[in-house]
Each structure stands twice: as structure tokens, then as C-alpha cells.
Amino acid sequence: AEEYKEGHIEGSLNIPLDEIGEAMTWLVKDVPAVVVCASGSRSEVAVTLLKANGFEKIYNGGRWNSFGNIKVGACPIK
């Protein structure tokens, strides 16, 4: 929550990693989404969990830094 307060993508949702299981009950599986975090490691875990539960249009967007920029590796978004 503190990271989200420091900066986030406009219109984004803050779903802590330990709440992903509950969020899967109301997230829409066929809506594309990019997952980010401060370091990129929690977003990778979240993407893995979501994909294992049928979310196919989920992408790891890398890490979000305190300057409000996304640091992205290879991201298959078109």
C-alpha cells in the first residue's frame, strides 16, 4: 500500500500479493492486465499465479520505480 501511495499507474488497482487468491474471485479472466511492483519479483509471482488459474491475458510489466516510470523488459503487449 505504501508503494502505491508513492506512485502508481493512473487507474490501476493495488492488489497485494497475499490477496491475489481472493482477487481471482472478482477479476475478469479475459481482460488484459499488466502487473507491476517495486522490484518486478512480486509481479512475476502474481503473473504466475494468475496464469495458473486461467488468466491468459496477464503480463509482467516489470518494476515501477519511485519516479513514476515503468521499467520494462520484454512485454508481449500490442
N, C-alpha and C. Protein backbone atom coordinates (compact mmCIF):
# COMPACT_ATOMS: atom_id res chain seq x y z
N ALA A 1 0.82 -1.19 0.00
CA ALA A 1 0.00 0.00 0.00
C ALA A 1 0.87 1.26 0.00
N GLU A 2 1.98 1.21 0.71
CA GLU A 2 2.87 2.37 0.75
C GLU A 2 3.48 2.63 -0.63
N GLU A 3 3.87 1.57 -1.31
CA GLU A 3 4.42 1.72 -2.67
C GLU A 3 3.39 2.37 -3.59
N TYR A 4 2.15 1.97 -3.46
CA TYR A 4 1.07 2.50 -4.29
C TYR A 4 0.91 4.00 -4.04
N LYS A 5 0.99 4.40 -2.77
CA LYS A 5 0.88 5.81 -2.42
C LYS A 5 2.02 6.63 -3.01
N GLU A 6 3.20 6.03 -3.08
CA GLU A 6 4.38 6.74 -3.59
C GLU A 6 4.30 6.97 -5.10
N GLY A 7 3.52 6.18 -5.79
CA GLY A 7 3.35 6.34 -7.23
C GLY A 7 2.77 5.09 -7.85
N HIS A 8 1.86 5.28 -8.79
CA HIS A 8 1.23 4.15 -9.46
C HIS A 8 0.71 4.59 -10.82
N ILE A 9 0.33 3.64 -11.62
CA ILE A 9 -0.26 3.91 -12.93
C ILE A 9 -1.68 4.40 -12.71
N GLU A 10 -2.00 5.52 -13.35
CA GLU A 10 -3.34 6.09 -13.20
C GLU A 10 -4.41 5.06 -13.57
N GLY A 11 -5.39 4.90 -12.70
CA GLY A 11 -6.48 3.97 -12.94
C GLY A 11 -6.17 2.53 -12.54
N SER A 12 -4.98 2.32 -11.97
CA SER A 12 -4.58 0.95 -11.61
C SER A 12 -5.21 0.53 -10.29
N LEU A 13 -5.19 -0.77 -10.05
CA LEU A 13 -5.65 -1.34 -8.79
C LEU A 13 -4.45 -1.77 -7.97
N ASN A 14 -4.53 -1.62 -6.67
CA ASN A 14 -3.48 -2.11 -5.78
C ASN A 14 -3.98 -3.42 -5.16
N ILE A 15 -3.40 -4.53 -5.60
CA ILE A 15 -3.76 -5.83 -5.04
C ILE A 15 -2.49 -6.45 -4.47
N PRO A 16 -2.33 -6.43 -3.15
CA PRO A 16 -1.15 -7.05 -2.54
C PRO A 16 -1.06 -8.53 -2.90
N LEU A 17 0.15 -9.03 -3.00
CA LEU A 17 0.37 -10.41 -3.41
C LEU A 17 -0.39 -11.40 -2.53
N ASP A 18 -0.47 -11.13 -1.23
CA ASP A 18 -1.18 -12.06 -0.35
C ASP A 18 -2.70 -11.99 -0.50
N GLU A 19 -3.20 -11.10 -1.35
CA GLU A 19 -4.64 -11.00 -1.60
C GLU A 19 -5.02 -11.43 -3.02
N ILE A 20 -4.05 -11.95 -3.77
CA ILE A 20 -4.31 -12.37 -5.16
C ILE A 20 -5.37 -13.47 -5.21
N GLY A 21 -5.30 -14.43 -4.29
CA GLY A 21 -6.28 -15.52 -4.28
C GLY A 21 -7.70 -15.01 -4.19
N GLU A 22 -7.94 -14.09 -3.29
CA GLU A 22 -9.28 -13.51 -3.14
C GLU A 22 -9.65 -12.68 -4.37
N ALA A 23 -8.69 -11.94 -4.90
CA ALA A 23 -8.96 -11.10 -6.07
C ALA A 23 -9.35 -11.93 -7.28
N MET A 24 -8.86 -13.16 -7.36
CA MET A 24 -9.20 -14.01 -8.50
C MET A 24 -10.68 -14.33 -8.55
N THR A 25 -11.41 -14.13 -7.45
CA THR A 25 -12.85 -14.40 -7.44
C THR A 25 -13.63 -13.29 -8.13
N TRP A 26 -13.04 -12.10 -8.26
CA TRP A 26 -13.75 -11.00 -8.90
C TRP A 26 -13.03 -10.38 -10.11
N LEU A 27 -11.76 -10.70 -10.31
CA LEU A 27 -11.07 -10.23 -11.52
C LEU A 27 -11.65 -10.93 -12.74
N VAL A 28 -11.70 -10.24 -13.86
CA VAL A 28 -12.25 -10.80 -15.09
C VAL A 28 -11.12 -11.46 -15.88
N LYS A 29 -11.26 -12.76 -16.15
CA LYS A 29 -10.17 -13.54 -16.74
C LYS A 29 -9.78 -13.13 -18.14
N ASP A 30 -10.69 -12.60 -18.93
CA ASP A 30 -10.35 -12.30 -20.32
C ASP A 30 -10.01 -10.83 -20.58
N VAL A 31 -9.81 -10.06 -19.51
CA VAL A 31 -9.42 -8.66 -19.66
C VAL A 31 -7.89 -8.56 -19.53
N PRO A 32 -7.23 -8.01 -20.54
CA PRO A 32 -5.77 -7.88 -20.47
C PRO A 32 -5.34 -7.01 -19.28
N ALA A 33 -4.26 -7.40 -18.62
CA ALA A 33 -3.75 -6.62 -17.49
C ALA A 33 -2.24 -6.75 -17.43
N VAL A 34 -1.60 -5.68 -16.99
CA VAL A 34 -0.16 -5.65 -16.78
C VAL A 34 0.07 -5.53 -15.28
N VAL A 35 0.89 -6.41 -14.74
CA VAL A 35 1.17 -6.43 -13.30
C VAL A 35 2.56 -5.84 -13.06
N VAL A 36 2.65 -4.90 -12.13
CA VAL A 36 3.93 -4.28 -11.79
C VAL A 36 4.09 -4.25 -10.28
N CYS A 37 5.33 -4.11 -9.83
CA CYS A 37 5.62 -3.89 -8.42
C CYS A 37 6.92 -3.09 -8.33
N ALA A 38 7.39 -2.85 -7.14
CA ALA A 38 8.59 -2.02 -6.97
C ALA A 38 9.85 -2.69 -7.54
N SER A 39 9.93 -4.00 -7.44
CA SER A 39 11.15 -4.69 -7.87
C SER A 39 10.96 -5.56 -9.11
N GLY A 40 9.73 -5.97 -9.39
CA GLY A 40 9.46 -6.87 -10.50
C GLY A 40 9.34 -8.32 -10.07
N SER A 41 9.77 -8.64 -8.86
CA SER A 41 9.72 -10.04 -8.42
C SER A 41 8.33 -10.45 -7.96
N ARG A 42 7.64 -9.61 -7.21
CA ARG A 42 6.28 -9.95 -6.78
C ARG A 42 5.33 -9.97 -7.96
N SER A 43 5.56 -9.08 -8.93
CA SER A 43 4.70 -9.09 -10.12
C SER A 43 4.89 -10.38 -10.90
N GLU A 44 6.10 -10.91 -10.92
CA GLU A 44 6.35 -12.19 -11.59
C GLU A 44 5.60 -13.33 -10.90
N VAL A 45 5.62 -13.34 -9.57
CA VAL A 45 4.89 -14.36 -8.81
C VAL A 45 3.39 -14.21 -9.06
N ALA A 46 2.89 -12.99 -9.03
CA ALA A 46 1.46 -12.75 -9.25
C ALA A 46 1.03 -13.22 -10.64
N VAL A 47 1.82 -12.92 -11.65
CA VAL A 47 1.51 -13.34 -13.02
C VAL A 47 1.48 -14.87 -13.10
N THR A 48 2.44 -15.53 -12.48
CA THR A 48 2.48 -16.99 -12.48
C THR A 48 1.22 -17.56 -11.83
N LEU A 49 0.82 -17.02 -10.69
CA LEU A 49 -0.39 -17.49 -10.00
C LEU A 49 -1.63 -17.25 -10.85
N LEU A 50 -1.74 -16.06 -11.41
CA LEU A 50 -2.91 -15.75 -12.22
C LEU A 50 -3.00 -16.64 -13.45
N LYS A 51 -1.89 -16.83 -14.15
CA LYS A 51 -1.90 -17.69 -15.34
C LYS A 51 -2.23 -19.14 -14.98
N ALA A 52 -1.75 -19.61 -13.84
CA ALA A 52 -2.05 -20.97 -13.40
C ALA A 52 -3.53 -21.15 -13.08
N ASN A 53 -4.23 -20.04 -12.90
CA ASN A 53 -5.66 -20.09 -12.59
C ASN A 53 -6.53 -19.59 -13.73
N GLY A 54 -6.01 -19.66 -14.96
CA GLY A 54 -6.82 -19.38 -16.13
C GLY A 54 -6.82 -17.96 -16.66
N PHE A 55 -6.03 -17.09 -16.08
CA PHE A 55 -5.92 -15.72 -16.59
C PHE A 55 -4.84 -15.74 -17.67
N GLU A 56 -5.26 -15.62 -18.93
CA GLU A 56 -4.33 -15.78 -20.04
C GLU A 56 -3.77 -14.46 -20.56
N LYS A 57 -4.43 -13.36 -20.31
CA LYS A 57 -4.01 -12.06 -20.84
C LYS A 57 -3.34 -11.21 -19.75
N ILE A 58 -2.51 -11.85 -18.96
CA ILE A 58 -1.81 -11.20 -17.85
C ILE A 58 -0.33 -11.10 -18.22
N TYR A 59 0.24 -9.93 -18.06
CA TYR A 59 1.63 -9.71 -18.44
C TYR A 59 2.41 -9.08 -17.29
N ASN A 60 3.66 -9.49 -17.16
CA ASN A 60 4.54 -8.90 -16.16
C ASN A 60 5.15 -7.64 -16.76
N GLY A 61 4.78 -6.50 -16.23
CA GLY A 61 5.27 -5.23 -16.74
C GLY A 61 6.59 -4.79 -16.13
N GLY A 62 7.16 -5.62 -15.27
CA GLY A 62 8.44 -5.25 -14.68
C GLY A 62 8.27 -4.49 -13.39
N ARG A 63 9.19 -3.56 -13.18
CA ARG A 63 9.12 -2.84 -11.92
C ARG A 63 8.72 -1.39 -12.13
N TRP A 64 8.07 -0.86 -11.14
CA TRP A 64 7.61 0.52 -11.10
C TRP A 64 8.53 1.24 -10.14
N ASN A 65 9.17 2.30 -10.57
CA ASN A 65 10.08 2.98 -9.64
C ASN A 65 9.46 4.23 -9.04
N SER A 66 10.17 4.82 -8.11
CA SER A 66 9.63 5.96 -7.37
C SER A 66 9.49 7.22 -8.21
N PHE A 67 10.04 7.23 -9.41
CA PHE A 67 9.89 8.39 -10.29
C PHE A 67 8.62 8.30 -11.12
N GLY A 68 7.85 7.22 -10.95
CA GLY A 68 6.61 7.08 -11.69
C GLY A 68 6.80 6.54 -13.10
N ASN A 69 7.87 5.80 -13.31
CA ASN A 69 8.14 5.21 -14.62
C ASN A 69 8.13 3.70 -14.53
N ILE A 70 7.72 3.06 -15.59
CA ILE A 70 7.76 1.62 -15.63
C ILE A 70 9.10 1.20 -16.23
N LYS A 71 9.75 0.27 -15.58
CA LYS A 71 10.97 -0.33 -16.12
C LYS A 71 10.54 -1.65 -16.72
N VAL A 72 10.60 -1.78 -18.02
CA VAL A 72 10.05 -2.95 -18.69
C VAL A 72 11.13 -3.72 -19.43
N GLY A 73 11.05 -5.04 -19.30
CA GLY A 73 11.87 -5.92 -20.12
C GLY A 73 11.06 -6.22 -21.37
N ALA A 74 11.07 -7.44 -21.79
CA ALA A 74 10.25 -7.84 -22.94
C ALA A 74 8.82 -8.02 -22.48
N CYS A 75 7.90 -7.32 -23.08
CA CYS A 75 6.49 -7.39 -22.68
C CYS A 75 5.65 -7.58 -23.94
N PRO A 76 4.94 -8.71 -24.03
CA PRO A 76 4.21 -9.03 -25.27
C PRO A 76 2.89 -8.30 -25.43
N ILE A 77 2.88 -6.99 -25.24
CA ILE A 77 1.64 -6.22 -25.40
C ILE A 77 1.67 -5.52 -26.75
N LYS A 78 0.58 -5.62 -27.47
CA LYS A 78 0.49 -4.97 -28.78
C LYS A 78 -0.66 -4.00 -28.81
